[in-house]
Amino acid sequence: MKIEQRGTVTSVYLDIAQLDQWVMLRSDAHHDSKLCDRSAELRHLKLAQERNALIVDAGDTFDLMQGRYDPRRSYDEIRPELLHDNY
């Protein structure tokens, strides 16, 4: 495996021809959203754990654009148990 950093971009190179390793690639989980299928997320993560897989989370794990001054915010999309002043 080779990891290369150029500015804000991180590249990971794997020689898959010689790799005997499960890899879970995921992005856009939005774990804090009402629309997140948490049961599917948990099922997939458990499967990755059972297979001793590398987990590559490519971003947007959370919505994180719900800040007080962010014009894109919509608290209607956030899970109710997370709606606090310190979210």
PDB file of N, CA and C in Angstrom:
ATOM      1  N   MET A   1       0.839  -1.170   0.000  1.00  0.00           N
ATOM      2  CA  MET A   1       0.000   0.000   0.000  1.00  0.00           C
ATOM      3  C   MET A   1       0.889   1.239   0.000  1.00  0.00           C
ATOM      4  N   LYS A   2       0.472   2.233  -0.793  1.00  0.00           N
ATOM      5  CA  LYS A   2       1.197   3.497  -0.854  1.00  0.00           C
ATOM      6  C   LYS A   2       0.183   4.618  -0.611  1.00  0.00           C
ATOM      7  N   ILE A   3       0.509   5.535   0.295  1.00  0.00           N
ATOM      8  CA  ILE A   3      -0.352   6.676   0.588  1.00  0.00           C
ATOM      9  C   ILE A   3       0.377   7.936   0.173  1.00  0.00           C
ATOM     10  N   GLU A   4      -0.324   8.772  -0.578  1.00  0.00           N
ATOM     11  CA  GLU A   4       0.279   9.995  -1.110  1.00  0.00           C
ATOM     12  C   GLU A   4      -0.630  11.178  -0.796  1.00  0.00           C
ATOM     13  N   GLN A   5      -0.048  12.258  -0.285  1.00  0.00           N
ATOM     14  CA  GLN A   5      -0.810  13.452   0.065  1.00  0.00           C
ATOM     15  C   GLN A   5      -0.399  14.595  -0.852  1.00  0.00           C
ATOM     16  N   ARG A   6      -1.369  15.196  -1.534  1.00  0.00           N
ATOM     17  CA  ARG A   6      -1.124  16.374  -2.375  1.00  0.00           C
ATOM     18  C   ARG A   6      -2.166  17.419  -2.018  1.00  0.00           C
ATOM     19  N   GLY A   7      -1.755  18.403  -1.250  1.00  0.00           N
ATOM     20  CA  GLY A   7      -2.702  19.424  -0.790  1.00  0.00           C
ATOM     21  C   GLY A   7      -3.743  18.785   0.106  1.00  0.00           C
ATOM     22  N   THR A   8      -5.011  18.949  -0.269  1.00  0.00           N
ATOM     23  CA  THR A   8      -6.093  18.381   0.528  1.00  0.00           C
ATOM     24  C   THR A   8      -6.542  17.011   0.037  1.00  0.00           C
ATOM     25  N   VAL A   9      -5.847  16.464  -0.950  1.00  0.00           N
ATOM     26  CA  VAL A   9      -6.230  15.166  -1.522  1.00  0.00           C
ATOM     27  C   VAL A   9      -5.271  14.077  -1.044  1.00  0.00           C
ATOM     28  N   THR A  10      -5.854  13.023  -0.484  1.00  0.00           N
ATOM     29  CA  THR A  10      -5.078  11.861  -0.069  1.00  0.00           C
ATOM     30  C   THR A  10      -5.386  10.723  -1.023  1.00  0.00           C
ATOM     31  N   SER A  11      -4.363  10.131  -1.600  1.00  0.00           N
ATOM     32  CA  SER A  11      -4.535   8.995  -2.501  1.00  0.00           C
ATOM     33  C   SER A  11      -3.947   7.758  -1.851  1.00  0.00           C
ATOM     34  N   VAL A  12      -4.673   6.656  -1.935  1.00  0.00           N
ATOM     35  CA  VAL A  12      -4.212   5.385  -1.405  1.00  0.00           C
ATOM     36  C   VAL A  12      -4.124   4.415  -2.571  1.00  0.00           C
ATOM     37  N   TYR A  13      -2.957   3.848  -2.782  1.00  0.00           N
ATOM     38  CA  TYR A  13      -2.735   2.909  -3.874  1.00  0.00           C
ATOM     39  C   TYR A  13      -2.541   1.508  -3.304  1.00  0.00           C
ATOM     40  N   LEU A  14      -3.326   0.575  -3.797  1.00  0.00           N
ATOM     41  CA  LEU A  14      -3.226  -0.811  -3.371  1.00  0.00           C
ATOM     42  C   LEU A  14      -2.913  -1.671  -4.582  1.00  0.00           C
ATOM     43  N   ASP A  15      -2.009  -2.590  -4.425  1.00  0.00           N
ATOM     44  CA  ASP A  15      -1.730  -3.551  -5.489  1.00  0.00           C
ATOM     45  C   ASP A  15      -2.707  -4.704  -5.301  1.00  0.00           C
ATOM     46  N   ILE A  16      -3.888  -4.561  -5.901  1.00  0.00           N
ATOM     47  CA  ILE A  16      -4.935  -5.535  -5.643  1.00  0.00           C
ATOM     48  C   ILE A  16      -4.641  -6.902  -6.241  1.00  0.00           C
ATOM     49  N   ALA A  17      -3.719  -6.965  -7.175  1.00  0.00           N
ATOM     50  CA  ALA A  17      -3.354  -8.266  -7.726  1.00  0.00           C
ATOM     51  C   ALA A  17      -2.719  -9.148  -6.653  1.00  0.00           C
ATOM     52  N   GLN A  18      -2.116  -8.544  -5.653  1.00  0.00           N
ATOM     53  CA  GLN A  18      -1.454  -9.308  -4.603  1.00  0.00           C
ATOM     54  C   GLN A  18      -2.124  -9.083  -3.242  1.00  0.00           C
ATOM     55  N   LEU A  19      -3.319  -8.525  -3.264  1.00  0.00           N
ATOM     56  CA  LEU A  19      -4.007  -8.208  -2.026  1.00  0.00           C
ATOM     57  C   LEU A  19      -5.056  -9.274  -1.719  1.00  0.00           C
ATOM     58  N   ASP A  20      -4.937  -9.886  -0.569  1.00  0.00           N
ATOM     59  CA  ASP A  20      -5.924 -10.849  -0.101  1.00  0.00           C
ATOM     60  C   ASP A  20      -6.597 -10.238   1.117  1.00  0.00           C
ATOM     61  N   GLN A  21      -7.418  -9.224   0.857  1.00  0.00           N
ATOM     62  CA  GLN A  21      -7.986  -8.418   1.937  1.00  0.00           C
ATOM     63  C   GLN A  21      -9.336  -7.866   1.498  1.00  0.00           C
ATOM     64  N   TRP A  22     -10.348  -8.018   2.339  1.00  0.00           N
ATOM     65  CA  TRP A  22     -11.623  -7.378   2.080  1.00  0.00           C
ATOM     66  C   TRP A  22     -11.474  -5.883   2.349  1.00  0.00           C
ATOM     67  N   VAL A  23     -12.145  -5.076   1.530  1.00  0.00           N
ATOM     68  CA  VAL A  23     -12.140  -3.627   1.702  1.00  0.00           C
ATOM     69  C   VAL A  23     -13.573  -3.129   1.564  1.00  0.00           C
ATOM     70  N   MET A  24     -14.028  -2.371   2.547  1.00  0.00           N
ATOM     71  CA  MET A  24     -15.345  -1.745   2.475  1.00  0.00           C
ATOM     72  C   MET A  24     -15.140  -0.289   2.088  1.00  0.00           C
ATOM     73  N   LEU A  25     -15.675   0.106   0.943  1.00  0.00           N
ATOM     74  CA  LEU A  25     -15.610   1.493   0.488  1.00  0.00           C
ATOM     75  C   LEU A  25     -16.985   2.108   0.691  1.00  0.00           C
ATOM     76  N   ARG A  26     -17.026   3.236   1.391  1.00  0.00           N
ATOM     77  CA  ARG A  26     -18.322   3.877   1.578  1.00  0.00           C
ATOM     78  C   ARG A  26     -18.161   5.384   1.633  1.00  0.00           C
ATOM     79  N   SER A  27     -19.240   6.078   1.332  1.00  0.00           N
ATOM     80  CA  SER A  27     -19.274   7.535   1.463  1.00  0.00           C
ATOM     81  C   SER A  27     -20.730   7.962   1.629  1.00  0.00           C
ATOM     82  N   ASP A  28     -20.910   9.193   2.006  1.00  0.00           N
ATOM     83  CA  ASP A  28     -22.244   9.781   2.141  1.00  0.00           C
ATOM     84  C   ASP A  28     -23.152   9.000   3.080  1.00  0.00           C
ATOM     85  N   ALA A  29     -22.635   8.586   4.222  1.00  0.00           N
ATOM     86  CA  ALA A  29     -23.444   7.850   5.199  1.00  0.00           C
ATOM     87  C   ALA A  29     -24.477   8.778   5.855  1.00  0.00           C
ATOM     88  N   HIS A  30     -24.121  10.029   6.098  1.00  0.00           N
ATOM     89  CA  HIS A  30     -25.008  11.005   6.746  1.00  0.00           C
ATOM     90  C   HIS A  30     -25.701  10.377   7.953  1.00  0.00           C
ATOM     91  N   HIS A  31     -24.881   9.870   8.859  1.00  0.00           N
ATOM     92  CA  HIS A  31     -25.346   9.117  10.027  1.00  0.00           C
ATOM     93  C   HIS A  31     -26.346   9.883  10.892  1.00  0.00           C
ATOM     94  N   ASP A  32     -26.296  11.200  10.876  1.00  0.00           N
ATOM     95  CA  ASP A  32     -27.180  12.003  11.711  1.00  0.00           C
ATOM     96  C   ASP A  32     -28.494  12.381  11.026  1.00  0.00           C
ATOM     97  N   SER A  33     -28.682  11.943   9.797  1.00  0.00           N
ATOM     98  CA  SER A  33     -29.882  12.275   9.043  1.00  0.00           C
ATOM     99  C   SER A  33     -31.016  11.298   9.329  1.00  0.00           C
ATOM    100  N   LYS A  34     -32.245  11.807   9.280  1.00  0.00           N
ATOM    101  CA  LYS A  34     -33.420  10.947   9.412  1.00  0.00           C
ATOM    102  C   LYS A  34     -33.467   9.921   8.274  1.00  0.00           C
ATOM    103  N   LEU A  35     -32.858  10.256   7.156  1.00  0.00           N
ATOM    104  CA  LEU A  35     -32.912   9.385   5.986  1.00  0.00           C
ATOM    105  C   LEU A  35     -31.852   8.279   6.000  1.00  0.00           C
ATOM    106  N   CYS A  36     -30.943   8.327   6.960  1.00  0.00           N
ATOM    107  CA  CYS A  36     -29.900   7.306   7.050  1.00  0.00           C
ATOM    108  C   CYS A  36     -30.527   5.975   7.448  1.00  0.00           C
ATOM    109  N   ASP A  37     -30.250   4.935   6.683  1.00  0.00           N
ATOM    110  CA  ASP A  37     -30.728   3.588   7.005  1.00  0.00           C
ATOM    111  C   ASP A  37     -29.720   2.969   7.967  1.00  0.00           C
ATOM    112  N   ARG A  38     -29.905   3.254   9.237  1.00  0.00           N
ATOM    113  CA  ARG A  38     -28.930   2.824  10.246  1.00  0.00           C
ATOM    114  C   ARG A  38     -28.851   1.309  10.381  1.00  0.00           C
ATOM    115  N   SER A  39     -29.941   0.607  10.139  1.00  0.00           N
ATOM    116  CA  SER A  39     -29.891  -0.856  10.238  1.00  0.00           C
ATOM    117  C   SER A  39     -29.011  -1.430   9.121  1.00  0.00           C
ATOM    118  N   ALA A  40     -29.109  -0.877   7.919  1.00  0.00           N
ATOM    119  CA  ALA A  40     -28.246  -1.322   6.819  1.00  0.00           C
ATOM    120  C   ALA A  40     -26.801  -0.929   7.094  1.00  0.00           C
ATOM    121  N   GLU A  41     -26.604   0.276   7.625  1.00  0.00           N
ATOM    122  CA  GLU A  41     -25.259   0.734   7.961  1.00  0.00           C
ATOM    123  C   GLU A  41     -24.609  -0.206   8.973  1.00  0.00           C
ATOM    124  N   LEU A  42     -25.343  -0.544  10.030  1.00  0.00           N
ATOM    125  CA  LEU A  42     -24.818  -1.434  11.057  1.00  0.00           C
ATOM    126  C   LEU A  42     -24.554  -2.834  10.495  1.00  0.00           C
ATOM    127  N   ARG A  43     -25.463  -3.314   9.670  1.00  0.00           N
ATOM    128  CA  ARG A  43     -25.288  -4.633   9.046  1.00  0.00           C
ATOM    129  C   ARG A  43     -24.003  -4.676   8.214  1.00  0.00           C
ATOM    130  N   HIS A  44     -23.783  -3.647   7.429  1.00  0.00           N
ATOM    131  CA  HIS A  44     -22.588  -3.592   6.574  1.00  0.00           C
ATOM    132  C   HIS A  44     -21.312  -3.463   7.402  1.00  0.00           C
ATOM    133  N   LEU A  45     -21.352  -2.640   8.447  1.00  0.00           N
ATOM    134  CA  LEU A  45     -20.169  -2.479   9.291  1.00  0.00           C
ATOM    135  C   LEU A  45     -19.842  -3.775  10.041  1.00  0.00           C
ATOM    136  N   LYS A  46     -20.875  -4.483  10.491  1.00  0.00           N
ATOM    137  CA  LYS A  46     -20.639  -5.768  11.163  1.00  0.00           C
ATOM    138  C   LYS A  46     -20.052  -6.788  10.203  1.00  0.00           C
ATOM    139  N   LEU A  47     -20.542  -6.787   8.964  1.00  0.00           N
ATOM    140  CA  LEU A  47     -19.994  -7.701   7.956  1.00  0.00           C
ATOM    141  C   LEU A  47     -18.528  -7.379   7.691  1.00  0.00           C
ATOM    142  N   ALA A  48     -18.210  -6.096   7.596  1.00  0.00           N
ATOM    143  CA  ALA A  48     -16.812  -5.692   7.401  1.00  0.00           C
ATOM    144  C   ALA A  48     -15.963  -6.146   8.582  1.00  0.00           C
ATOM    145  N   GLN A  49     -16.502  -6.013   9.785  1.00  0.00           N
ATOM    146  CA  GLN A  49     -15.779  -6.441  10.982  1.00  0.00           C
ATOM    147  C   GLN A  49     -15.553  -7.951  10.971  1.00  0.00           C
ATOM    148  N   GLU A  50     -16.583  -8.717  10.605  1.00  0.00           N
ATOM    149  CA  GLU A  50     -16.457 -10.180  10.535  1.00  0.00           C
ATOM    150  C   GLU A  50     -15.379 -10.604   9.546  1.00  0.00           C
ATOM    151  N   ARG A  51     -15.266  -9.846   8.461  1.00  0.00           N
ATOM    152  CA  ARG A  51     -14.297 -10.175   7.409  1.00  0.00           C
ATOM    153  C   ARG A  51     -12.938  -9.525   7.649  1.00  0.00           C
ATOM    154  N   ASN A  52     -12.807  -8.838   8.777  1.00  0.00           N
ATOM    155  CA  ASN A  52     -11.572  -8.129   9.089  1.00  0.00           C
ATOM    156  C   ASN A  52     -11.187  -7.175   7.952  1.00  0.00           C
ATOM    157  N   ALA A  53     -12.198  -6.504   7.433  1.00  0.00           N
ATOM    158  CA  ALA A  53     -12.019  -5.649   6.265  1.00  0.00           C
ATOM    159  C   ALA A  53     -11.422  -4.300   6.639  1.00  0.00           C
ATOM    160  N   LEU A  54     -10.676  -3.742   5.714  1.00  0.00           N
ATOM    161  CA  LEU A  54     -10.289  -2.339   5.813  1.00  0.00           C
ATOM    162  C   LEU A  54     -11.550  -1.536   5.512  1.00  0.00           C
ATOM    163  N   ILE A  55     -11.809  -0.485   6.262  1.00  0.00           N
ATOM    164  CA  ILE A  55     -12.973   0.361   6.006  1.00  0.00           C
ATOM    165  C   ILE A  55     -12.468   1.724   5.559  1.00  0.00           C
ATOM    166  N   VAL A  56     -12.832   2.101   4.351  1.00  0.00           N
ATOM    167  CA  VAL A  56     -12.445   3.401   3.802  1.00  0.00           C
ATOM    168  C   VAL A  56     -13.709   4.253   3.740  1.00  0.00           C
ATOM    169  N   ASP A  57     -13.781   5.247   4.599  1.00  0.00           N
ATOM    170  CA  ASP A  57     -14.918   6.153   4.647  1.00  0.00           C
ATOM    171  C   ASP A  57     -14.523   7.402   3.878  1.00  0.00           C
ATOM    172  N   ALA A  58     -15.099   7.594   2.707  1.00  0.00           N
ATOM    173  CA  ALA A  58     -14.655   8.648   1.798  1.00  0.00           C
ATOM    174  C   ALA A  58     -15.302  10.006   2.052  1.00  0.00           C
ATOM    175  N   GLY A  59     -16.065  10.131   3.113  1.00  0.00           N
ATOM    176  CA  GLY A  59     -16.568  11.458   3.445  1.00  0.00           C
ATOM    177  C   GLY A  59     -18.066  11.512   3.658  1.00  0.00           C
ATOM    178  N   ASP A  60     -18.507  12.661   4.125  1.00  0.00           N
ATOM    179  CA  ASP A  60     -19.898  12.924   4.462  1.00  0.00           C
ATOM    180  C   ASP A  60     -20.455  11.874   5.419  1.00  0.00           C
ATOM    181  N   THR A  61     -19.686  11.577   6.459  1.00  0.00           N
ATOM    182  CA  THR A  61     -20.146  10.665   7.494  1.00  0.00           C
ATOM    183  C   THR A  61     -21.346  11.283   8.210  1.00  0.00           C
ATOM    184  N   PHE A  62     -21.314  12.597   8.398  1.00  0.00           N
ATOM    185  CA  PHE A  62     -22.414  13.333   9.001  1.00  0.00           C
ATOM    186  C   PHE A  62     -22.823  14.461   8.069  1.00  0.00           C
ATOM    187  N   ASP A  63     -24.032  15.004   8.253  1.00  0.00           N
ATOM    188  CA  ASP A  63     -24.472  16.143   7.437  1.00  0.00           C
ATOM    189  C   ASP A  63     -23.585  17.354   7.686  1.00  0.00           C
ATOM    190  N   LEU A  64     -23.405  17.733   8.934  1.00  0.00           N
ATOM    191  CA  LEU A  64     -22.495  18.797   9.370  1.00  0.00           C
ATOM    192  C   LEU A  64     -22.647  20.124   8.641  1.00  0.00           C
ATOM    193  N   MET A  65     -23.789  20.352   8.023  1.00  0.00           N
ATOM    194  CA  MET A  65     -24.019  21.681   7.471  1.00  0.00           C
ATOM    195  C   MET A  65     -25.265  22.263   8.115  1.00  0.00           C
ATOM    196  N   GLN A  66     -25.397  21.962   9.401  1.00  0.00           N
ATOM    197  CA  GLN A  66     -26.564  22.423  10.147  1.00  0.00           C
ATOM    198  C   GLN A  66     -26.189  23.531  11.128  1.00  0.00           C
ATOM    199  N   GLY A  67     -25.054  24.163  10.909  1.00  0.00           N
ATOM    200  CA  GLY A  67     -24.612  25.226  11.804  1.00  0.00           C
ATOM    201  C   GLY A  67     -25.558  26.415  11.799  1.00  0.00           C
ATOM    202  N   ARG A  68     -25.522  27.155  12.857  1.00  0.00           N
ATOM    203  CA  ARG A  68     -26.434  28.288  13.047  1.00  0.00           C
ATOM    204  C   ARG A  68     -26.404  29.265  11.874  1.00  0.00           C
ATOM    205  N   TYR A  69     -25.241  29.497  11.288  1.00  0.00           N
ATOM    206  CA  TYR A  69     -25.124  30.505  10.230  1.00  0.00           C
ATOM    207  C   TYR A  69     -25.018  29.903   8.826  1.00  0.00           C
ATOM    208  N   ASP A  70     -25.255  28.627   8.702  1.00  0.00           N
ATOM    209  CA  ASP A  70     -25.181  27.975   7.394  1.00  0.00           C
ATOM    210  C   ASP A  70     -26.542  28.082   6.707  1.00  0.00           C
ATOM    211  N   PRO A  71     -26.616  28.764   5.562  1.00  0.00           N
ATOM    212  CA  PRO A  71     -27.916  28.957   4.899  1.00  0.00           C
ATOM    213  C   PRO A  71     -28.523  27.645   4.384  1.00  0.00           C
ATOM    214  N   ARG A  72     -27.745  26.587   4.309  1.00  0.00           N
ATOM    215  CA  ARG A  72     -28.261  25.302   3.821  1.00  0.00           C
ATOM    216  C   ARG A  72     -28.917  24.476   4.921  1.00  0.00           C
ATOM    217  N   ARG A  73     -28.815  24.912   6.151  1.00  0.00           N
ATOM    218  CA  ARG A  73     -29.285  24.081   7.263  1.00  0.00           C
ATOM    219  C   ARG A  73     -30.785  23.811   7.176  1.00  0.00           C
ATOM    220  N   SER A  74     -31.153  22.637   7.615  1.00  0.00           N
ATOM    221  CA  SER A  74     -32.553  22.244   7.692  1.00  0.00           C
ATOM    222  C   SER A  74     -32.668  21.250   8.833  1.00  0.00           C
ATOM    223  N   TYR A  75     -33.119  21.721   9.971  1.00  0.00           N
ATOM    224  CA  TYR A  75     -33.205  20.859  11.141  1.00  0.00           C
ATOM    225  C   TYR A  75     -34.262  19.761  10.962  1.00  0.00           C
ATOM    226  N   ASP A  76     -35.119  19.917   9.959  1.00  0.00           N
ATOM    227  CA  ASP A  76     -36.120  18.884   9.686  1.00  0.00           C
ATOM    228  C   ASP A  76     -35.471  17.575   9.236  1.00  0.00           C
ATOM    229  N   GLU A  77     -34.239  17.641   8.738  1.00  0.00           N
ATOM    230  CA  GLU A  77     -33.566  16.455   8.223  1.00  0.00           C
ATOM    231  C   GLU A  77     -32.715  15.742   9.272  1.00  0.00           C
ATOM    232  N   ILE A  78     -32.575  16.339  10.458  1.00  0.00           N
ATOM    233  CA  ILE A  78     -31.723  15.780  11.506  1.00  0.00           C
ATOM    234  C   ILE A  78     -32.555  14.910  12.438  1.00  0.00           C
ATOM    235  N   ARG A  79     -31.947  13.835  12.894  1.00  0.00           N
ATOM    236  CA  ARG A  79     -32.622  12.946  13.836  1.00  0.00           C
ATOM    237  C   ARG A  79     -33.006  13.734  15.088  1.00  0.00           C
ATOM    238  N   PRO A  80     -34.235  13.562  15.585  1.00  0.00           N
ATOM    239  CA  PRO A  80     -34.721  14.396  16.695  1.00  0.00           C
ATOM    240  C   PRO A  80     -33.863  14.310  17.964  1.00  0.00           C
ATOM    241  N   GLU A  81     -33.260  13.157  18.240  1.00  0.00           N
ATOM    242  CA  GLU A  81     -32.455  13.026  19.458  1.00  0.00           C
ATOM    243  C   GLU A  81     -31.171  13.858  19.389  1.00  0.00           C
ATOM    244  N   LEU A  82     -30.851  14.381  18.208  1.00  0.00           N
ATOM    245  CA  LEU A  82     -29.632  15.181  18.053  1.00  0.00           C
ATOM    246  C   LEU A  82     -29.908  16.677  18.056  1.00  0.00           C
ATOM    247  N   LEU A  83     -31.158  17.064  18.111  1.00  0.00           N
ATOM    248  CA  LEU A  83     -31.516  18.487  18.041  1.00  0.00           C
ATOM    249  C   LEU A  83     -31.297  19.164  19.389  1.00  0.00           C
ATOM    250  N   HIS A  84     -30.103  19.670  19.559  1.00  0.00           N
ATOM    251  CA  HIS A  84     -29.712  20.404  20.766  1.00  0.00           C
ATOM    252  C   HIS A  84     -28.955  21.651  20.337  1.00  0.00           C
ATOM    253  N   ASP A  85     -28.824  22.593  21.236  1.00  0.00           N
ATOM    254  CA  ASP A  85     -28.074  23.810  20.929  1.00  0.00           C
ATOM    255  C   ASP A  85     -26.632  23.521  20.549  1.00  0.00           C
ATOM    256  N   ASN A  86     -26.064  22.456  21.117  1.00  0.00           N
ATOM    257  CA  ASN A  86     -24.654  22.174  20.843  1.00  0.00           C
ATOM    258  C   ASN A  86     -24.455  21.222  19.669  1.00  0.00           C
ATOM    259  N   TYR A  87     -25.492  20.958  18.855  1.00  0.00           N
ATOM    260  CA  TYR A  87     -25.315  20.101  17.683  1.00  0.00           C
ATOM    261  C   TYR A  87     -24.361  20.760  16.729  1.00  0.00           C
TER     262      TYR A  87
END
